[in-house]
Amino acid sequence: VPMPVQKSVQLMDAVMDSYQNNSGHTFFLQNAGHCGTSWVSNTIASAICAKEDVVFTVKYSGIAALLLQGEQTAHSRFKLPIPILEDSVCPISENSKLHKVIAKTKLII
């Protein structure tokens, strides 16, 4: 069942409000495949990118990532090891370009 439009709009409004007020809230968007989550993610990312801010859009699987702007998995974007274990770390050095971009990132979806 696709995500109802009203719920999509409420979620987008809440995320944009958090972004605009620099509130740092965490939101979880989860739904079955083909239910509008990629559309919601891309719409939010586009709105923030239009303001020339950095947004990372990532998904767990490569197939799902193809539907997002940037087309990256979380493993690829954040250098996450596969499999992720309890003591796993991301090998992102403090002087790397990725670290600098992450520091400027306003939203990770």
PDB file of N, CA and C in Angstrom:
ATOM      1  N   VAL A   1       0.856  -1.182   0.000  1.00  0.00           N
ATOM      2  CA  VAL A   1       0.000   0.000   0.000  1.00  0.00           C
ATOM      3  C   VAL A   1       0.895   1.236   0.000  1.00  0.00           C
ATOM      4  N   PRO A   2       0.787   2.101  -0.991  1.00  0.00           N
ATOM      5  CA  PRO A   2       1.612   3.307  -1.036  1.00  0.00           C
ATOM      6  C   PRO A   2       1.391   4.201   0.172  1.00  0.00           C
ATOM      7  N   MET A   3       2.451   4.925   0.516  1.00  0.00           N
ATOM      8  CA  MET A   3       2.377   5.857   1.632  1.00  0.00           C
ATOM      9  C   MET A   3       1.344   6.934   1.292  1.00  0.00           C
ATOM     10  N   PRO A   4       0.366   7.167   2.161  1.00  0.00           N
ATOM     11  CA  PRO A   4      -0.633   8.192   1.881  1.00  0.00           C
ATOM     12  C   PRO A   4       0.022   9.561   1.702  1.00  0.00           C
ATOM     13  N   VAL A   5      -0.520  10.344   0.787  1.00  0.00           N
ATOM     14  CA  VAL A   5       0.042  11.663   0.481  1.00  0.00           C
ATOM     15  C   VAL A   5       0.110  12.527   1.731  1.00  0.00           C
ATOM     16  N   GLN A   6      -0.922  12.500   2.554  1.00  0.00           N
ATOM     17  CA  GLN A   6      -0.949  13.322   3.755  1.00  0.00           C
ATOM     18  C   GLN A   6       0.227  12.976   4.681  1.00  0.00           C
ATOM     19  N   LYS A   7       0.525  11.684   4.855  1.00  0.00           N
ATOM     20  CA  LYS A   7       1.644  11.261   5.700  1.00  0.00           C
ATOM     21  C   LYS A   7       2.976  11.719   5.092  1.00  0.00           C
ATOM     22  N   SER A   8       3.084  11.640   3.760  1.00  0.00           N
ATOM     23  CA  SER A   8       4.300  12.080   3.079  1.00  0.00           C
ATOM     24  C   SER A   8       4.544  13.565   3.313  1.00  0.00           C
ATOM     25  N   VAL A   9       3.499  14.352   3.175  1.00  0.00           N
ATOM     26  CA  VAL A   9       3.605  15.798   3.359  1.00  0.00           C
ATOM     27  C   VAL A   9       3.953  16.122   4.811  1.00  0.00           C
ATOM     28  N   GLN A  10       3.343  15.431   5.762  1.00  0.00           N
ATOM     29  CA  GLN A  10       3.653  15.657   7.173  1.00  0.00           C
ATOM     30  C   GLN A  10       5.116  15.343   7.470  1.00  0.00           C
ATOM     31  N   LEU A  11       5.610  14.249   6.928  1.00  0.00           N
ATOM     32  CA  LEU A  11       7.007  13.875   7.128  1.00  0.00           C
ATOM     33  C   LEU A  11       7.930  14.910   6.501  1.00  0.00           C
ATOM     34  N   MET A  12       7.661  15.292   5.271  1.00  0.00           N
ATOM     35  CA  MET A  12       8.505  16.291   4.605  1.00  0.00           C
ATOM     36  C   MET A  12       8.504  17.605   5.371  1.00  0.00           C
ATOM     37  N   ASP A  13       7.350  18.030   5.850  1.00  0.00           N
ATOM     38  CA  ASP A  13       7.267  19.266   6.639  1.00  0.00           C
ATOM     39  C   ASP A  13       8.086  19.166   7.918  1.00  0.00           C
ATOM     40  N   ALA A  14       8.014  18.028   8.601  1.00  0.00           N
ATOM     41  CA  ALA A  14       8.757  17.848   9.851  1.00  0.00           C
ATOM     42  C   ALA A  14      10.272  17.860   9.600  1.00  0.00           C
ATOM     43  N   VAL A  15      10.715  17.179   8.543  1.00  0.00           N
ATOM     44  CA  VAL A  15      12.142  17.144   8.217  1.00  0.00           C
ATOM     45  C   VAL A  15      12.627  18.540   7.824  1.00  0.00           C
ATOM     46  N   MET A  16      11.877  19.227   6.985  1.00  0.00           N
ATOM     47  CA  MET A  16      12.277  20.570   6.555  1.00  0.00           C
ATOM     48  C   MET A  16      12.282  21.553   7.726  1.00  0.00           C
ATOM     49  N   ASP A  17      11.343  21.409   8.642  1.00  0.00           N
ATOM     50  CA  ASP A  17      11.324  22.264   9.833  1.00  0.00           C
ATOM     51  C   ASP A  17      12.578  22.021  10.674  1.00  0.00           C
ATOM     52  N   SER A  18      12.953  20.761  10.860  1.00  0.00           N
ATOM     53  CA  SER A  18      14.159  20.426  11.606  1.00  0.00           C
ATOM     54  C   SER A  18      15.400  20.989  10.911  1.00  0.00           C
ATOM     55  N   TYR A  19      15.442  20.868   9.599  1.00  0.00           N
ATOM     56  CA  TYR A  19      16.564  21.398   8.809  1.00  0.00           C
ATOM     57  C   TYR A  19      16.649  22.912   8.944  1.00  0.00           C
ATOM     58  N   GLN A  20      15.540  23.603   8.740  1.00  0.00           N
ATOM     59  CA  GLN A  20      15.539  25.062   8.759  1.00  0.00           C
ATOM     60  C   GLN A  20      15.877  25.624  10.136  1.00  0.00           C
ATOM     61  N   ASN A  21      15.487  24.916  11.190  1.00  0.00           N
ATOM     62  CA  ASN A  21      15.766  25.368  12.550  1.00  0.00           C
ATOM     63  C   ASN A  21      17.039  24.762  13.126  1.00  0.00           C
ATOM     64  N   ASN A  22      17.747  23.980  12.294  1.00  0.00           N
ATOM     65  CA  ASN A  22      18.983  23.316  12.717  1.00  0.00           C
ATOM     66  C   ASN A  22      18.766  22.537  14.020  1.00  0.00           C
ATOM     67  N   SER A  23      17.629  21.833  14.106  1.00  0.00           N
ATOM     68  CA  SER A  23      17.229  21.121  15.315  1.00  0.00           C
ATOM     69  C   SER A  23      17.947  19.796  15.509  1.00  0.00           C
ATOM     70  N   GLY A  24      18.401  19.186  14.422  1.00  0.00           N
ATOM     71  CA  GLY A  24      19.127  17.929  14.531  1.00  0.00           C
ATOM     72  C   GLY A  24      18.274  16.736  14.910  1.00  0.00           C
ATOM     73  N   HIS A  25      16.996  16.762  14.559  1.00  0.00           N
ATOM     74  CA  HIS A  25      16.126  15.626  14.869  1.00  0.00           C
ATOM     75  C   HIS A  25      16.473  14.420  14.002  1.00  0.00           C
ATOM     76  N   THR A  26      16.107  13.254  14.480  1.00  0.00           N
ATOM     77  CA  THR A  26      16.283  12.013  13.745  1.00  0.00           C
ATOM     78  C   THR A  26      14.908  11.497  13.340  1.00  0.00           C
ATOM     79  N   PHE A  27      14.770  11.143  12.065  1.00  0.00           N
ATOM     80  CA  PHE A  27      13.520  10.598  11.551  1.00  0.00           C
ATOM     81  C   PHE A  27      13.819   9.265  10.897  1.00  0.00           C
ATOM     82  N   PHE A  28      12.915   8.329  11.007  1.00  0.00           N
ATOM     83  CA  PHE A  28      13.051   7.034  10.354  1.00  0.00           C
ATOM     84  C   PHE A  28      11.928   6.885   9.346  1.00  0.00           C
ATOM     85  N   LEU A  29      12.310   6.650   8.112  1.00  0.00           N
ATOM     86  CA  LEU A  29      11.350   6.465   7.033  1.00  0.00           C
ATOM     87  C   LEU A  29      11.486   5.028   6.562  1.00  0.00           C
ATOM     88  N   GLN A  30      10.479   4.239   6.872  1.00  0.00           N
ATOM     89  CA  GLN A  30      10.516   2.828   6.506  1.00  0.00           C
ATOM     90  C   GLN A  30       9.166   2.441   5.939  1.00  0.00           C
ATOM     91  N   ASN A  31       9.210   1.743   4.831  1.00  0.00           N
ATOM     92  CA  ASN A  31       7.982   1.290   4.205  1.00  0.00           C
ATOM     93  C   ASN A  31       8.340   0.152   3.261  1.00  0.00           C
ATOM     94  N   ALA A  32       7.384  -0.574   2.824  1.00  0.00           N
ATOM     95  CA  ALA A  32       7.628  -1.647   1.862  1.00  0.00           C
ATOM     96  C   ALA A  32       8.060  -1.055   0.526  1.00  0.00           C
ATOM     97  N   GLY A  33       8.678  -1.870  -0.308  1.00  0.00           N
ATOM     98  CA  GLY A  33       9.107  -1.418  -1.625  1.00  0.00           C
ATOM     99  C   GLY A  33       7.970  -0.861  -2.449  1.00  0.00           C
ATOM    100  N   HIS A  34       8.274   0.087  -3.300  1.00  0.00           N
ATOM    101  CA  HIS A  34       7.322   0.718  -4.218  1.00  0.00           C
ATOM    102  C   HIS A  34       6.217   1.467  -3.486  1.00  0.00           C
ATOM    103  N   CYS A  35       6.554   2.027  -2.315  1.00  0.00           N
ATOM    104  CA  CYS A  35       5.527   2.734  -1.533  1.00  0.00           C
ATOM    105  C   CYS A  35       5.822   4.221  -1.364  1.00  0.00           C
ATOM    106  N   GLY A  36       6.777   4.747  -2.133  1.00  0.00           N
ATOM    107  CA  GLY A  36       6.979   6.187  -2.119  1.00  0.00           C
ATOM    108  C   GLY A  36       8.125   6.704  -1.286  1.00  0.00           C
ATOM    109  N   THR A  37       8.891   5.838  -0.621  1.00  0.00           N
ATOM    110  CA  THR A  37       9.965   6.344   0.229  1.00  0.00           C
ATOM    111  C   THR A  37      11.078   7.003  -0.585  1.00  0.00           C
ATOM    112  N   SER A  38      11.387   6.471  -1.758  1.00  0.00           N
ATOM    113  CA  SER A  38      12.430   7.093  -2.604  1.00  0.00           C
ATOM    114  C   SER A  38      11.964   8.456  -3.092  1.00  0.00           C
ATOM    115  N   TRP A  39      10.701   8.568  -3.450  1.00  0.00           N
ATOM    116  CA  TRP A  39      10.166   9.857  -3.889  1.00  0.00           C
ATOM    117  C   TRP A  39      10.250  10.882  -2.770  1.00  0.00           C
ATOM    118  N   VAL A  40       9.854  10.494  -1.561  1.00  0.00           N
ATOM    119  CA  VAL A  40       9.924  11.402  -0.412  1.00  0.00           C
ATOM    120  C   VAL A  40      11.378  11.797  -0.156  1.00  0.00           C
ATOM    121  N   SER A  41      12.285  10.828  -0.171  1.00  0.00           N
ATOM    122  CA  SER A  41      13.705  11.099   0.068  1.00  0.00           C
ATOM    123  C   SER A  41      14.266  12.056  -0.973  1.00  0.00           C
ATOM    124  N   ASN A  42      13.987  11.797  -2.237  1.00  0.00           N
ATOM    125  CA  ASN A  42      14.496  12.648  -3.313  1.00  0.00           C
ATOM    126  C   ASN A  42      13.893  14.052  -3.273  1.00  0.00           C
ATOM    127  N   THR A  43      12.634  14.154  -2.888  1.00  0.00           N
ATOM    128  CA  THR A  43      11.985  15.463  -2.794  1.00  0.00           C
ATOM    129  C   THR A  43      12.618  16.303  -1.689  1.00  0.00           C
ATOM    130  N   ILE A  44      12.841  15.694  -0.544  1.00  0.00           N
ATOM    131  CA  ILE A  44      13.486  16.400   0.568  1.00  0.00           C
ATOM    132  C   ILE A  44      14.917  16.789   0.178  1.00  0.00           C
ATOM    133  N   ALA A  45      15.656  15.847  -0.407  1.00  0.00           N
ATOM    134  CA  ALA A  45      17.040  16.125  -0.815  1.00  0.00           C
ATOM    135  C   ALA A  45      17.092  17.261  -1.828  1.00  0.00           C
ATOM    136  N   SER A  46      16.183  17.264  -2.781  1.00  0.00           N
ATOM    137  CA  SER A  46      16.149  18.319  -3.797  1.00  0.00           C
ATOM    138  C   SER A  46      15.886  19.688  -3.177  1.00  0.00           C
ATOM    139  N   ALA A  47      14.982  19.742  -2.218  1.00  0.00           N
ATOM    140  CA  ALA A  47      14.668  21.011  -1.555  1.00  0.00           C
ATOM    141  C   ALA A  47      15.881  21.564  -0.822  1.00  0.00           C
ATOM    142  N   ILE A  48      16.632  20.697  -0.179  1.00  0.00           N
ATOM    143  CA  ILE A  48      17.800  21.148   0.577  1.00  0.00           C
ATOM    144  C   ILE A  48      18.975  21.463  -0.358  1.00  0.00           C
ATOM    145  N   CYS A  49      19.153  20.652  -1.386  1.00  0.00           N
ATOM    146  CA  CYS A  49      20.204  20.929  -2.376  1.00  0.00           C
ATOM    147  C   CYS A  49      19.948  22.253  -3.098  1.00  0.00           C
ATOM    148  N   ALA A  50      18.687  22.598  -3.298  1.00  0.00           N
ATOM    149  CA  ALA A  50      18.336  23.861  -3.945  1.00  0.00           C
ATOM    150  C   ALA A  50      18.827  25.055  -3.126  1.00  0.00           C
ATOM    151  N   LYS A  51      19.016  24.848  -1.844  1.00  0.00           N
ATOM    152  CA  LYS A  51      19.542  25.893  -0.968  1.00  0.00           C
ATOM    153  C   LYS A  51      21.072  25.816  -0.880  1.00  0.00           C
ATOM    154  N   GLU A  52      21.655  24.978  -1.766  1.00  0.00           N
ATOM    155  CA  GLU A  52      23.100  24.788  -1.883  1.00  0.00           C
ATOM    156  C   GLU A  52      23.729  24.185  -0.629  1.00  0.00           C
ATOM    157  N   ASP A  53      22.969  23.356   0.069  1.00  0.00           N
ATOM    158  CA  ASP A  53      23.497  22.609   1.202  1.00  0.00           C
ATOM    159  C   ASP A  53      23.731  21.163   0.779  1.00  0.00           C
ATOM    160  N   VAL A  54      24.572  20.459   1.543  1.00  0.00           N
ATOM    161  CA  VAL A  54      24.951  19.089   1.214  1.00  0.00           C
ATOM    162  C   VAL A  54      23.975  18.108   1.850  1.00  0.00           C
ATOM    163  N   VAL A  55      23.524  17.147   1.041  1.00  0.00           N
ATOM    164  CA  VAL A  55      22.629  16.077   1.498  1.00  0.00           C
ATOM    165  C   VAL A  55      23.186  14.759   0.979  1.00  0.00           C
ATOM    166  N   PHE A  56      23.245  13.758   1.840  1.00  0.00           N
ATOM    167  CA  PHE A  56      23.593  12.401   1.415  1.00  0.00           C
ATOM    168  C   PHE A  56      22.312  11.585   1.408  1.00  0.00           C
ATOM    169  N   THR A  57      22.040  10.932   0.290  1.00  0.00           N
ATOM    170  CA  THR A  57      20.932   9.985   0.233  1.00  0.00           C
ATOM    171  C   THR A  57      21.542   8.607   0.035  1.00  0.00           C
ATOM    172  N   VAL A  58      21.265   7.703   0.948  1.00  0.00           N
ATOM    173  CA  VAL A  58      21.822   6.355   0.875  1.00  0.00           C
ATOM    174  C   VAL A  58      20.741   5.323   1.168  1.00  0.00           C
ATOM    175  N   LYS A  59      20.946   4.136   0.655  1.00  0.00           N
ATOM    176  CA  LYS A  59      20.077   2.994   0.940  1.00  0.00           C
ATOM    177  C   LYS A  59      20.963   1.818   1.298  1.00  0.00           C
ATOM    178  N   TYR A  60      20.361   0.788   1.850  1.00  0.00           N
ATOM    179  CA  TYR A  60      21.115  -0.395   2.272  1.00  0.00           C
ATOM    180  C   TYR A  60      21.548  -1.239   1.080  1.00  0.00           C
ATOM    181  N   SER A  61      20.668  -1.396   0.100  1.00  0.00           N
ATOM    182  CA  SER A  61      21.007  -2.266  -1.035  1.00  0.00           C
ATOM    183  C   SER A  61      21.301  -1.445  -2.288  1.00  0.00           C
ATOM    184  N   GLY A  62      22.098  -2.031  -3.175  1.00  0.00           N
ATOM    185  CA  GLY A  62      22.454  -1.368  -4.418  1.00  0.00           C
ATOM    186  C   GLY A  62      21.270  -1.120  -5.321  1.00  0.00           C
ATOM    187  N   ILE A  63      20.339  -2.059  -5.364  1.00  0.00           N
ATOM    188  CA  ILE A  63      19.153  -1.905  -6.212  1.00  0.00           C
ATOM    189  C   ILE A  63      18.333  -0.713  -5.735  1.00  0.00           C
ATOM    190  N   ALA A  64      18.080  -0.620  -4.454  1.00  0.00           N
ATOM    191  CA  ALA A  64      17.301   0.491  -3.905  1.00  0.00           C
ATOM    192  C   ALA A  64      18.044   1.816  -4.077  1.00  0.00           C
ATOM    193  N   ALA A  65      19.365   1.793  -3.958  1.00  0.00           N
ATOM    194  CA  ALA A  65      20.157   3.017  -4.086  1.00  0.00           C
ATOM    195  C   ALA A  65      20.036   3.626  -5.476  1.00  0.00           C
ATOM    196  N   LEU A  66      19.776   2.812  -6.483  1.00  0.00           N
ATOM    197  CA  LEU A  66      19.637   3.324  -7.846  1.00  0.00           C
ATOM    198  C   LEU A  66      18.469   4.298  -7.991  1.00  0.00           C
ATOM    199  N   LEU A  67      17.521   4.243  -7.061  1.00  0.00           N
ATOM    200  CA  LEU A  67      16.349   5.116  -7.125  1.00  0.00           C
ATOM    201  C   LEU A  67      16.581   6.475  -6.490  1.00  0.00           C
ATOM    202  N   LEU A  68      17.728   6.656  -5.839  1.00  0.00           N
ATOM    203  CA  LEU A  68      18.006   7.886  -5.117  1.00  0.00           C
ATOM    204  C   LEU A  68      18.971   8.780  -5.874  1.00  0.00           C
ATOM    205  N   GLN A  69      18.888  10.083  -5.593  1.00  0.00           N
ATOM    206  CA  GLN A  69      19.897  10.995  -6.102  1.00  0.00           C
ATOM    207  C   GLN A  69      21.228  10.586  -5.483  1.00  0.00           C
ATOM    208  N   GLY A  70      22.259  10.486  -6.258  1.00  0.00           N
ATOM    209  CA  GLY A  70      23.556  10.074  -5.748  1.00  0.00           C
ATOM    210  C   GLY A  70      23.815   8.593  -5.897  1.00  0.00           C
ATOM    211  N   GLU A  71      22.769   7.799  -5.934  1.00  0.00           N
ATOM    212  CA  GLU A  71      22.838   6.358  -6.191  1.00  0.00           C
ATOM    213  C   GLU A  71      23.924   5.639  -5.391  1.00  0.00           C
ATOM    214  N   GLN A  72      23.968   5.819  -4.072  1.00  0.00           N
ATOM    215  CA  GLN A  72      24.978   5.134  -3.276  1.00  0.00           C
ATOM    216  C   GLN A  72      24.368   4.359  -2.129  1.00  0.00           C
ATOM    217  N   THR A  73      25.025   3.250  -1.822  1.00  0.00           N
ATOM    218  CA  THR A  73      24.646   2.498  -0.628  1.00  0.00           C
ATOM    219  C   THR A  73      25.324   3.137   0.578  1.00  0.00           C
ATOM    220  N   ALA A  74      24.804   2.871   1.756  1.00  0.00           N
ATOM    221  CA  ALA A  74      25.424   3.377   2.979  1.00  0.00           C
ATOM    222  C   ALA A  74      26.848   2.832   3.116  1.00  0.00           C
ATOM    223  N   HIS A  75      27.048   1.570   2.720  1.00  0.00           N
ATOM    224  CA  HIS A  75      28.382   0.962   2.811  1.00  0.00           C
ATOM    225  C   HIS A  75      29.388   1.695   1.941  1.00  0.00           C
ATOM    226  N   SER A  76      28.970   2.059   0.755  1.00  0.00           N
ATOM    227  CA  SER A  76      29.858   2.752  -0.172  1.00  0.00           C
ATOM    228  C   SER A  76      30.141   4.180   0.289  1.00  0.00           C
ATOM    229  N   ARG A  77      29.113   4.916   0.640  1.00  0.00           N
ATOM    230  CA  ARG A  77      29.257   6.322   1.014  1.00  0.00           C
ATOM    231  C   ARG A  77      30.117   6.509   2.264  1.00  0.00           C
ATOM    232  N   PHE A  78      29.872   5.683   3.283  1.00  0.00           N
ATOM    233  CA  PHE A  78      30.546   5.872   4.569  1.00  0.00           C
ATOM    234  C   PHE A  78      31.668   4.868   4.823  1.00  0.00           C
ATOM    235  N   LYS A  79      32.059   4.136   3.779  1.00  0.00           N
ATOM    236  CA  LYS A  79      33.162   3.168   3.877  1.00  0.00           C
ATOM    237  C   LYS A  79      32.910   2.131   4.971  1.00  0.00           C
ATOM    238  N   LEU A  80      31.657   1.712   5.107  1.00  0.00           N
ATOM    239  CA  LEU A  80      31.295   0.721   6.115  1.00  0.00           C
ATOM    240  C   LEU A  80      31.785  -0.658   5.680  1.00  0.00           C
ATOM    241  N   PRO A  81      32.351  -1.422   6.600  1.00  0.00           N
ATOM    242  CA  PRO A  81      32.802  -2.762   6.234  1.00  0.00           C
ATOM    243  C   PRO A  81      31.611  -3.708   6.044  1.00  0.00           C
ATOM    244  N   ILE A  82      31.850  -4.748   5.260  1.00  0.00           N
ATOM    245  CA  ILE A  82      30.843  -5.796   5.064  1.00  0.00           C
ATOM    246  C   ILE A  82      31.479  -7.101   5.492  1.00  0.00           C
ATOM    247  N   PRO A  83      30.903  -7.810   6.430  1.00  0.00           N
ATOM    248  CA  PRO A  83      29.719  -7.472   7.224  1.00  0.00           C
ATOM    249  C   PRO A  83      30.083  -6.476   8.323  1.00  0.00           C
ATOM    250  N   ILE A  84      29.074  -5.791   8.848  1.00  0.00           N
ATOM    251  CA  ILE A  84      29.283  -4.884   9.970  1.00  0.00           C
ATOM    252  C   ILE A  84      29.230  -5.715  11.242  1.00  0.00           C
ATOM    253  N   LEU A  85      30.294  -5.643  12.004  1.00  0.00           N
ATOM    254  CA  LEU A  85      30.382  -6.375  13.267  1.00  0.00           C
ATOM    255  C   LEU A  85      30.311  -5.406  14.434  1.00  0.00           C
ATOM    256  N   GLU A  86      30.208  -5.931  15.617  1.00  0.00           N
ATOM    257  CA  GLU A  86      30.089  -5.107  16.815  1.00  0.00           C
ATOM    258  C   GLU A  86      31.250  -4.133  16.967  1.00  0.00           C
ATOM    259  N   ASP A  87      32.448  -4.530  16.565  1.00  0.00           N
ATOM    260  CA  ASP A  87      33.628  -3.679  16.731  1.00  0.00           C
ATOM    261  C   ASP A  87      34.070  -3.008  15.423  1.00  0.00           C
ATOM    262  N   SER A  88      33.189  -2.983  14.426  1.00  0.00           N
ATOM    263  CA  SER A  88      33.519  -2.367  13.141  1.00  0.00           C
ATOM    264  C   SER A  88      33.633  -0.851  13.267  1.00  0.00           C
ATOM    265  N   VAL A  89      34.514  -0.271  12.463  1.00  0.00           N
ATOM    266  CA  VAL A  89      34.672   1.184  12.417  1.00  0.00           C
ATOM    267  C   VAL A  89      34.713   1.628  10.950  1.00  0.00           C
ATOM    268  N   CYS A  90      34.434   2.890  10.718  1.00  0.00           N
ATOM    269  CA  CYS A  90      34.528   3.465   9.382  1.00  0.00           C
ATOM    270  C   CYS A  90      35.919   4.074   9.231  1.00  0.00           C
ATOM    271  N   PRO A  91      36.675   3.650   8.242  1.00  0.00           N
ATOM    272  CA  PRO A  91      38.031   4.171   8.074  1.00  0.00           C
ATOM    273  C   PRO A  91      38.060   5.518   7.344  1.00  0.00           C
ATOM    274  N   ILE A  92      37.470   6.533   7.958  1.00  0.00           N
ATOM    275  CA  ILE A  92      37.454   7.871   7.366  1.00  0.00           C
ATOM    276  C   ILE A  92      38.409   8.742   8.173  1.00  0.00           C
ATOM    277  N   SER A  93      39.517   9.127   7.568  1.00  0.00           N
ATOM    278  CA  SER A  93      40.508   9.924   8.300  1.00  0.00           C
ATOM    279  C   SER A  93      40.057  11.376   8.403  1.00  0.00           C
ATOM    280  N   GLU A  94      40.546  12.058   9.414  1.00  0.00           N
ATOM    281  CA  GLU A  94      40.133  13.425   9.690  1.00  0.00           C
ATOM    282  C   GLU A  94      40.533  14.399   8.585  1.00  0.00           C
ATOM    283  N   ASN A  95      41.588  14.101   7.848  1.00  0.00           N
ATOM    284  CA  ASN A  95      42.009  15.024   6.787  1.00  0.00           C
ATOM    285  C   ASN A  95      41.506  14.604   5.410  1.00  0.00           C
ATOM    286  N   SER A  96      40.626  13.632   5.323  1.00  0.00           N
ATOM    287  CA  SER A  96      40.132  13.171   4.030  1.00  0.00           C
ATOM    288  C   SER A  96      39.057  14.114   3.485  1.00  0.00           C
ATOM    289  N   LYS A  97      38.879  14.055   2.166  1.00  0.00           N
ATOM    290  CA  LYS A  97      37.826  14.850   1.529  1.00  0.00           C
ATOM    291  C   LYS A  97      36.454  14.433   2.047  1.00  0.00           C
ATOM    292  N   LEU A  98      36.261  13.113   2.244  1.00  0.00           N
ATOM    293  CA  LEU A  98      34.983  12.618   2.734  1.00  0.00           C
ATOM    294  C   LEU A  98      34.656  13.194   4.110  1.00  0.00           C
ATOM    295  N   HIS A  99      35.639  13.260   4.990  1.00  0.00           N
ATOM    296  CA  HIS A  99      35.423  13.832   6.322  1.00  0.00           C
ATOM    297  C   HIS A  99      34.970  15.287   6.210  1.00  0.00           C
ATOM    298  N   LYS A 100      35.607  16.045   5.324  1.00  0.00           N
ATOM    299  CA  LYS A 100      35.248  17.459   5.147  1.00  0.00           C
ATOM    300  C   LYS A 100      33.833  17.608   4.602  1.00  0.00           C
ATOM    301  N   VAL A 101      33.452  16.730   3.680  1.00  0.00           N
ATOM    302  CA  VAL A 101      32.096  16.797   3.125  1.00  0.00           C
ATOM    303  C   VAL A 101      31.068  16.394   4.186  1.00  0.00           C
ATOM    304  N   ILE A 102      31.362  15.357   4.944  1.00  0.00           N
ATOM    305  CA  ILE A 102      30.441  14.932   6.011  1.00  0.00           C
ATOM    306  C   ILE A 102      30.236  16.058   7.022  1.00  0.00           C
ATOM    307  N   ALA A 103      31.313  16.770   7.343  1.00  0.00           N
ATOM    308  CA  ALA A 103      31.218  17.877   8.305  1.00  0.00           C
ATOM    309  C   ALA A 103      30.284  18.981   7.805  1.00  0.00           C
ATOM    310  N   LYS A 104      30.183  19.150   6.489  1.00  0.00           N
ATOM    311  CA  LYS A 104      29.314  20.177   5.906  1.00  0.00           C
ATOM    312  C   LYS A 104      27.910  19.670   5.606  1.00  0.00           C
ATOM    313  N   THR A 105      27.678  18.378   5.779  1.00  0.00           N
ATOM    314  CA  THR A 105      26.407  17.770   5.421  1.00  0.00           C
ATOM    315  C   THR A 105      25.298  18.224   6.370  1.00  0.00           C
ATOM    316  N   LYS A 106      24.200  18.634   5.786  1.00  0.00           N
ATOM    317  CA  LYS A 106      23.044  19.098   6.563  1.00  0.00           C
ATOM    318  C   LYS A 106      22.042  17.987   6.848  1.00  0.00           C
ATOM    319  N   LEU A 107      22.032  16.945   5.988  1.00  0.00           N
ATOM    320  CA  LEU A 107      21.046  15.880   6.157  1.00  0.00           C
ATOM    321  C   LEU A 107      21.563  14.604   5.541  1.00  0.00           C
ATOM    322  N   ILE A 108      21.332  13.495   6.231  1.00  0.00           N
ATOM    323  CA  ILE A 108      21.617  12.165   5.693  1.00  0.00           C
ATOM    324  C   ILE A 108      20.291  11.422   5.662  1.00  0.00           C
ATOM    325  N   ILE A 109      19.927  10.962   4.471  1.00  0.00           N
ATOM    326  CA  ILE A 109      18.672  10.211   4.315  1.00  0.00           C
ATOM    327  C   ILE A 109      19.043   8.786   3.986  1.00  0.00           C
TER     328      ILE A 109
END
